[in-house]
PDB file of N, CA and C in Angstrom:
ATOM      1  N   MET A   1      11.809  -1.328  -1.765  1.00  0.00           N
ATOM      2  CA  MET A   1      12.533   0.672  -2.072  1.00  0.00           C
ATOM      3  C   MET A   1      11.212   1.476  -2.534  1.00  0.00           C
ATOM      4  N   ALA A   2      10.570   2.192  -2.012  1.00  0.00           N
ATOM      5  CA  ALA A   2       9.536   3.106  -2.346  1.00  0.00           C
ATOM      6  C   ALA A   2       9.255   3.484  -3.873  1.00  0.00           C
ATOM      7  N   PHE A   3       8.705   3.923  -4.144  1.00  0.00           N
ATOM      8  CA  PHE A   3       8.115   4.906  -5.565  1.00  0.00           C
ATOM      9  C   PHE A   3       8.562   5.977  -5.209  1.00  0.00           C
ATOM     10  N   LEU A   4       7.881   6.400  -4.422  1.00  0.00           N
ATOM     11  CA  LEU A   4       7.526   7.988  -3.670  1.00  0.00           C
ATOM     12  C   LEU A   4       7.811   7.982  -2.189  1.00  0.00           C
ATOM     13  N   ASP A   5       8.846   8.791  -1.787  1.00  0.00           N
ATOM     14  CA  ASP A   5       8.848   9.224  -0.252  1.00  0.00           C
ATOM     15  C   ASP A   5       8.294  10.499   0.234  1.00  0.00           C
ATOM     16  N   TRP A   6       7.706   9.996   1.208  1.00  0.00           N
ATOM     17  CA  TRP A   6       6.963  11.626   1.206  1.00  0.00           C
ATOM     18  C   TRP A   6       7.924  12.624   1.902  1.00  0.00           C
ATOM     19  N   GLN A   7       8.208  13.743   1.631  1.00  0.00           N
ATOM     20  CA  GLN A   7       9.001  14.775   1.484  1.00  0.00           C
ATOM     21  C   GLN A   7       8.152  16.013   2.742  1.00  0.00           C
ATOM     22  N   GLU A   8       8.709  16.343   3.814  1.00  0.00           N
ATOM     23  CA  GLU A   8       8.251  17.586   4.260  1.00  0.00           C
ATOM     24  C   GLU A   8       7.980  18.656   3.348  1.00  0.00           C
ATOM     25  N   ALA A   9       8.791  18.906   2.193  1.00  0.00           N
ATOM     26  CA  ALA A   9       8.679  19.629   1.202  1.00  0.00           C
ATOM     27  C   ALA A   9       7.446  20.058   0.477  1.00  0.00           C
ATOM     28  N   TYR A  10       6.037  18.726   0.807  1.00  0.00           N
ATOM     29  CA  TYR A  10       5.184  18.613   0.313  1.00  0.00           C
ATOM     30  C   TYR A  10       3.800  18.968   1.038  1.00  0.00           C
ATOM     31  N   SER A  11       4.677  19.278   2.003  1.00  0.00           N
ATOM     32  CA  SER A  11       3.261  19.397   3.295  1.00  0.00           C
ATOM     33  C   SER A  11       2.822  21.002   3.096  1.00  0.00           C
ATOM     34  N   VAL A  12       1.273  20.793   3.598  1.00  0.00           N
ATOM     35  CA  VAL A  12       0.488  21.593   2.943  1.00  0.00           C
ATOM     36  C   VAL A  12       0.470  23.498   3.982  1.00  0.00           C
ATOM     37  N   LYS A  13       1.174  22.350   5.309  1.00  0.00           N
ATOM     38  CA  LYS A  13       0.720  22.925   6.555  1.00  0.00           C
ATOM     39  C   LYS A  13      -0.606  22.623   7.288  1.00  0.00           C
ATOM     40  N   VAL A  14      -1.472  22.059   6.916  1.00  0.00           N
ATOM     41  CA  VAL A  14      -2.766  21.760   7.231  1.00  0.00           C
ATOM     42  C   VAL A  14      -2.971  20.139   7.478  1.00  0.00           C
ATOM     43  N   PRO A  15      -2.652  19.896   9.186  1.00  0.00           N
ATOM     44  CA  PRO A  15      -2.009  18.311   9.455  1.00  0.00           C
ATOM     45  C   PRO A  15      -3.152  17.310   8.994  1.00  0.00           C
ATOM     46  N   GLU A  16      -4.474  18.135   8.819  1.00  0.00           N
ATOM     47  CA  GLU A  16      -5.329  16.857   8.145  1.00  0.00           C
ATOM     48  C   GLU A  16      -4.997  16.283   6.432  1.00  0.00           C
ATOM     49  N   LEU A  17      -4.803  17.584   5.952  1.00  0.00           N
ATOM     50  CA  LEU A  17      -4.454  17.035   4.715  1.00  0.00           C
ATOM     51  C   LEU A  17      -3.535  16.094   3.980  1.00  0.00           C
ATOM     52  N   ASP A  18      -2.447  17.083   5.372  1.00  0.00           N
ATOM     53  CA  ASP A  18      -1.085  16.383   5.278  1.00  0.00           C
ATOM     54  C   ASP A  18      -1.095  14.591   5.508  1.00  0.00           C
ATOM     55  N   GLN A  19      -1.691  14.317   6.344  1.00  0.00           N
ATOM     56  CA  GLN A  19      -2.157  13.023   6.883  1.00  0.00           C
ATOM     57  C   GLN A  19      -2.968  12.219   5.764  1.00  0.00           C
ATOM     58  N   GLN A  20      -3.995  12.906   5.189  1.00  0.00           N
ATOM     59  CA  GLN A  20      -3.940  12.538   4.057  1.00  0.00           C
ATOM     60  C   GLN A  20      -3.515  12.403   2.669  1.00  0.00           C
ATOM     61  N   HIS A  21      -2.315  13.277   2.249  1.00  0.00           N
ATOM     62  CA  HIS A  21      -1.288  12.799   1.755  1.00  0.00           C
ATOM     63  C   HIS A  21      -0.729  12.338   1.382  1.00  0.00           C
ATOM     64  N   GLN A  22      -0.416  11.505   3.157  1.00  0.00           N
ATOM     65  CA  GLN A  22       0.983  10.779   3.246  1.00  0.00           C
ATOM     66  C   GLN A  22       0.158   9.357   3.129  1.00  0.00           C
ATOM     67  N   ARG A  23      -0.961   9.604   3.436  1.00  0.00           N
ATOM     68  CA  ARG A  23      -1.838   7.945   3.297  1.00  0.00           C
ATOM     69  C   ARG A  23      -1.854   8.090   1.994  1.00  0.00           C
ATOM     70  N   LEU A  24      -2.167   8.796   0.689  1.00  0.00           N
ATOM     71  CA  LEU A  24      -2.012   8.956  -0.984  1.00  0.00           C
ATOM     72  C   LEU A  24      -0.782   8.045  -1.254  1.00  0.00           C
ATOM     73  N   VAL A  25       0.139   8.624  -0.509  1.00  0.00           N
ATOM     74  CA  VAL A  25       1.583   8.383  -0.824  1.00  0.00           C
ATOM     75  C   VAL A  25       2.047   7.011  -0.910  1.00  0.00           C
ATOM     76  N   GLY A  26       0.934   6.228   0.267  1.00  0.00           N
ATOM     77  CA  GLY A  26       1.710   4.761   0.957  1.00  0.00           C
ATOM     78  C   GLY A  26       0.713   4.111   0.033  1.00  0.00           C
ATOM     79  N   MET A  27      -0.377   4.319  -0.434  1.00  0.00           N
ATOM     80  CA  MET A  27      -0.947   3.825  -1.231  1.00  0.00           C
ATOM     81  C   MET A  27      -0.673   3.496  -2.531  1.00  0.00           C
ATOM     82  N   LEU A  28       0.235   4.810  -2.991  1.00  0.00           N
ATOM     83  CA  LEU A  28       0.829   4.478  -4.487  1.00  0.00           C
ATOM     84  C   LEU A  28       1.842   3.826  -4.076  1.00  0.00           C
ATOM     85  N   ASN A  29       2.309   3.555  -3.392  1.00  0.00           N
ATOM     86  CA  ASN A  29       3.973   2.667  -3.357  1.00  0.00           C
ATOM     87  C   ASN A  29       2.990   1.367  -2.864  1.00  0.00           C
ATOM     88  N   ARG A  30       1.818   0.776  -2.344  1.00  0.00           N
ATOM     89  CA  ARG A  30       1.771  -0.158  -2.339  1.00  0.00           C
ATOM     90  C   ARG A  30       1.196  -0.368  -3.720  1.00  0.00           C
ATOM     91  N   LEU A  31       0.650   0.210  -4.639  1.00  0.00           N
ATOM     92  CA  LEU A  31       0.086  -0.434  -5.812  1.00  0.00           C
ATOM     93  C   LEU A  31       1.319  -0.422  -6.864  1.00  0.00           C
ATOM     94  N   HIS A  32       2.573   0.535  -6.270  1.00  0.00           N
ATOM     95  CA  HIS A  32       3.965   0.003  -7.563  1.00  0.00           C
ATOM     96  C   HIS A  32       4.647  -1.251  -6.914  1.00  0.00           C
ATOM     97  N   ASP A  33       4.303  -1.563  -5.568  1.00  0.00           N
ATOM     98  CA  ASP A  33       5.023  -3.027  -4.862  1.00  0.00           C
ATOM     99  C   ASP A  33       4.284  -4.030  -5.561  1.00  0.00           C
ATOM    100  N   ALA A  34       2.874  -3.894  -5.887  1.00  0.00           N
ATOM    101  CA  ALA A  34       1.704  -5.057  -6.356  1.00  0.00           C
ATOM    102  C   ALA A  34       2.137  -5.093  -7.782  1.00  0.00           C
ATOM    103  N   LEU A  35       2.305  -4.041  -8.638  1.00  0.00           N
ATOM    104  CA  LEU A  35       2.654  -3.912 -10.350  1.00  0.00           C
ATOM    105  C   LEU A  35       4.330  -4.423 -10.241  1.00  0.00           C
ATOM    106  N   ARG A  36       4.968  -4.239  -9.872  1.00  0.00           N
ATOM    107  CA  ARG A  36       6.203  -4.814  -9.464  1.00  0.00           C
ATOM    108  C   ARG A  36       6.275  -6.290  -9.369  1.00  0.00           C
ATOM    109  N   ALA A  37       5.352  -7.038  -8.441  1.00  0.00           N
ATOM    110  CA  ALA A  37       5.807  -8.260  -8.078  1.00  0.00           C
ATOM    111  C   ALA A  37       5.220  -9.021  -8.783  1.00  0.00           C
ATOM    112  N   GLY A  38       4.500  -8.654  -9.560  1.00  0.00           N
ATOM    113  CA  GLY A  38       3.851  -9.386 -10.796  1.00  0.00           C
ATOM    114  C   GLY A  38       3.483 -10.451 -10.617  1.00  0.00           C
ATOM    115  N   GLY A  39       2.604 -10.079  -9.682  1.00  0.00           N
ATOM    116  CA  GLY A  39       1.631 -11.765  -9.145  1.00  0.00           C
ATOM    117  C   GLY A  39       0.038 -11.347  -9.594  1.00  0.00           C
ATOM    118  N   ASP A  40      -0.401 -11.578  -8.585  1.00  0.00           N
ATOM    119  CA  ASP A  40      -1.928 -11.890  -8.879  1.00  0.00           C
ATOM    120  C   ASP A  40      -2.339 -10.369  -9.492  1.00  0.00           C
ATOM    121  N   PRO A  41      -3.117 -10.306 -10.760  1.00  0.00           N
ATOM    122  CA  PRO A  41      -3.592  -9.131 -10.758  1.00  0.00           C
ATOM    123  C   PRO A  41      -4.769  -8.315 -10.163  1.00  0.00           C
ATOM    124  N   ALA A  42      -5.275  -9.226  -9.488  1.00  0.00           N
ATOM    125  CA  ALA A  42      -6.416  -8.843  -8.505  1.00  0.00           C
ATOM    126  C   ALA A  42      -5.663  -8.290  -7.356  1.00  0.00           C
ATOM    127  N   VAL A  43      -4.839  -8.578  -6.444  1.00  0.00           N
ATOM    128  CA  VAL A  43      -4.066  -7.437  -5.929  1.00  0.00           C
ATOM    129  C   VAL A  43      -3.846  -6.197  -6.355  1.00  0.00           C
ATOM    130  N   ALA A  44      -3.614  -5.863  -7.264  1.00  0.00           N
ATOM    131  CA  ALA A  44      -3.126  -4.471  -8.008  1.00  0.00           C
ATOM    132  C   ALA A  44      -4.408  -4.192  -7.708  1.00  0.00           C
ATOM    133  N   GLN A  45      -5.733  -4.456  -8.531  1.00  0.00           N
ATOM    134  CA  GLN A  45      -6.942  -3.864  -8.876  1.00  0.00           C
ATOM    135  C   GLN A  45      -7.559  -3.937  -7.277  1.00  0.00           C
ATOM    136  N   LYS A  46      -7.168  -4.524  -6.391  1.00  0.00           N
ATOM    137  CA  LYS A  46      -7.966  -3.912  -5.011  1.00  0.00           C
ATOM    138  C   LYS A  46      -7.027  -2.625  -4.790  1.00  0.00           C
ATOM    139  N   VAL A  47      -6.092  -2.288  -4.679  1.00  0.00           N
ATOM    140  CA  VAL A  47      -5.058  -1.109  -4.354  1.00  0.00           C
ATOM    141  C   VAL A  47      -5.914  -0.519  -5.095  1.00  0.00           C
ATOM    142  N   VAL A  48      -5.766  -0.029  -6.273  1.00  0.00           N
ATOM    143  CA  VAL A  48      -6.575   0.503  -7.391  1.00  0.00           C
ATOM    144  C   VAL A  48      -8.123   0.927  -6.646  1.00  0.00           C
ATOM    145  N   GLU A  49      -8.832   0.213  -6.293  1.00  0.00           N
ATOM    146  CA  GLU A  49      -9.668   0.305  -6.231  1.00  0.00           C
ATOM    147  C   GLU A  49     -10.083   1.165  -4.645  1.00  0.00           C
ATOM    148  N   GLU A  50      -9.163   0.911  -3.943  1.00  0.00           N
ATOM    149  CA  GLU A  50      -8.661   1.431  -2.616  1.00  0.00           C
ATOM    150  C   GLU A  50      -8.525   3.106  -2.960  1.00  0.00           C
ATOM    151  N   LEU A  51      -7.677   3.418  -3.922  1.00  0.00           N
ATOM    152  CA  LEU A  51      -6.857   4.446  -4.193  1.00  0.00           C
ATOM    153  C   LEU A  51      -7.923   5.665  -4.936  1.00  0.00           C
ATOM    154  N   VAL A  52      -8.789   5.093  -5.724  1.00  0.00           N
ATOM    155  CA  VAL A  52      -9.796   5.462  -6.247  1.00  0.00           C
ATOM    156  C   VAL A  52     -11.150   6.238  -5.082  1.00  0.00           C
ATOM    157  N   LEU A  53     -10.967   4.802  -4.047  1.00  0.00           N
ATOM    158  CA  LEU A  53     -12.510   5.840  -3.059  1.00  0.00           C
ATOM    159  C   LEU A  53     -11.687   6.639  -2.102  1.00  0.00           C
ATOM    160  N   TYR A  54     -10.701   6.406  -1.714  1.00  0.00           N
ATOM    161  CA  TYR A  54      -9.773   6.991  -0.688  1.00  0.00           C
ATOM    162  C   TYR A  54      -9.617   8.603  -1.603  1.00  0.00           C
ATOM    163  N   THR A  55      -9.600   8.635  -2.903  1.00  0.00           N
ATOM    164  CA  THR A  55      -8.653  10.052  -3.360  1.00  0.00           C
ATOM    165  C   THR A  55     -10.487  10.769  -4.026  1.00  0.00           C
ATOM    166  N   GLN A  56     -11.717  10.198  -3.615  1.00  0.00           N
ATOM    167  CA  GLN A  56     -12.435  11.071  -3.997  1.00  0.00           C
ATOM    168  C   GLN A  56     -12.743  11.275  -2.243  1.00  0.00           C
ATOM    169  N   HIS A  57     -12.639  10.516  -1.396  1.00  0.00           N
ATOM    170  CA  HIS A  57     -12.759  11.265   0.162  1.00  0.00           C
ATOM    171  C   HIS A  57     -11.560  12.263   0.325  1.00  0.00           C
ATOM    172  N   HIS A  58     -10.391  12.153  -0.272  1.00  0.00           N
ATOM    173  CA  HIS A  58      -9.639  13.460  -0.036  1.00  0.00           C
ATOM    174  C   HIS A  58     -10.002  14.320  -0.323  1.00  0.00           C
ATOM    175  N   PHE A  59     -10.694  14.530  -2.017  1.00  0.00           N
ATOM    176  CA  PHE A  59     -10.753  15.942  -2.636  1.00  0.00           C
ATOM    177  C   PHE A  59     -12.060  16.030  -2.092  1.00  0.00           C
ATOM    178  N   ALA A  60     -12.998  15.849  -1.065  1.00  0.00           N
ATOM    179  CA  ALA A  60     -14.414  16.076  -1.096  1.00  0.00           C
ATOM    180  C   ALA A  60     -13.955  16.499   0.116  1.00  0.00           C
ATOM    181  N   ALA A  61     -13.033  15.895   1.077  1.00  0.00           N
ATOM    182  CA  ALA A  61     -12.044  16.887   2.306  1.00  0.00           C
ATOM    183  C   ALA A  61     -11.432  18.207   1.981  1.00  0.00           C
ATOM    184  N   GLU A  62     -10.910  18.401   1.151  1.00  0.00           N
ATOM    185  CA  GLU A  62     -10.422  19.676   0.587  1.00  0.00           C
ATOM    186  C   GLU A  62     -10.941  20.603  -0.139  1.00  0.00           C
ATOM    187  N   GLU A  63     -12.359  20.045  -0.741  1.00  0.00           N
ATOM    188  CA  GLU A  63     -13.327  21.049  -1.283  1.00  0.00           C
ATOM    189  C   GLU A  63     -13.743  21.806   0.500  1.00  0.00           C
ATOM    190  N   ARG A  64     -14.218  20.588   1.002  1.00  0.00           N
ATOM    191  CA  ARG A  64     -14.821  21.464   2.243  1.00  0.00           C
ATOM    192  C   ARG A  64     -14.057  22.569   3.012  1.00  0.00           C
ATOM    193  N   LEU A  65     -12.996  22.081   3.012  1.00  0.00           N
ATOM    194  CA  LEU A  65     -11.945  22.714   3.820  1.00  0.00           C
ATOM    195  C   LEU A  65     -11.973  24.223   2.952  1.00  0.00           C
ATOM    196  N   MET A  66     -11.841  24.343   1.825  1.00  0.00           N
ATOM    197  CA  MET A  66     -11.620  25.440   1.015  1.00  0.00           C
ATOM    198  C   MET A  66     -12.905  26.279   0.871  1.00  0.00           C
ATOM    199  N   GLU A  67     -14.114  25.653   0.843  1.00  0.00           N
ATOM    200  CA  GLU A  67     -15.013  26.470   1.504  1.00  0.00           C
ATOM    201  C   GLU A  67     -15.018  27.078   2.413  1.00  0.00           C
ATOM    202  N   THR A  68     -15.146  26.444   3.551  1.00  0.00           N
ATOM    203  CA  THR A  68     -15.018  26.894   5.074  1.00  0.00           C
ATOM    204  C   THR A  68     -13.760  28.109   4.969  1.00  0.00           C
ATOM    205  N   SER A  69     -12.742  28.256   4.471  1.00  0.00           N
ATOM    206  CA  SER A  69     -11.737  28.920   4.559  1.00  0.00           C
ATOM    207  C   SER A  69     -12.176  30.634   4.093  1.00  0.00           C
ATOM    208  N   GLY A  70     -12.576  30.240   2.609  1.00  0.00           N
ATOM    209  CA  GLY A  70     -13.068  31.268   1.969  1.00  0.00           C
ATOM    210  C   GLY A  70     -12.014  31.454   0.465  1.00  0.00           C
TER     211      GLY A  70
END
């Protein structure tokens, strides 16, 4: 069972950002699954590291779009 399900209500109507937001939701769900499984902590750590890197990429993309749109 997903921790968070993507809903159309979350859409910002910018396809690039919506795709990134959906990917972030997927990563959060992977982290939730890893933590619930209670297995190797390295698995959760890897997901956290991916999440941090992708979040940095995502916010940079959002900032670029905001700058170009004024």
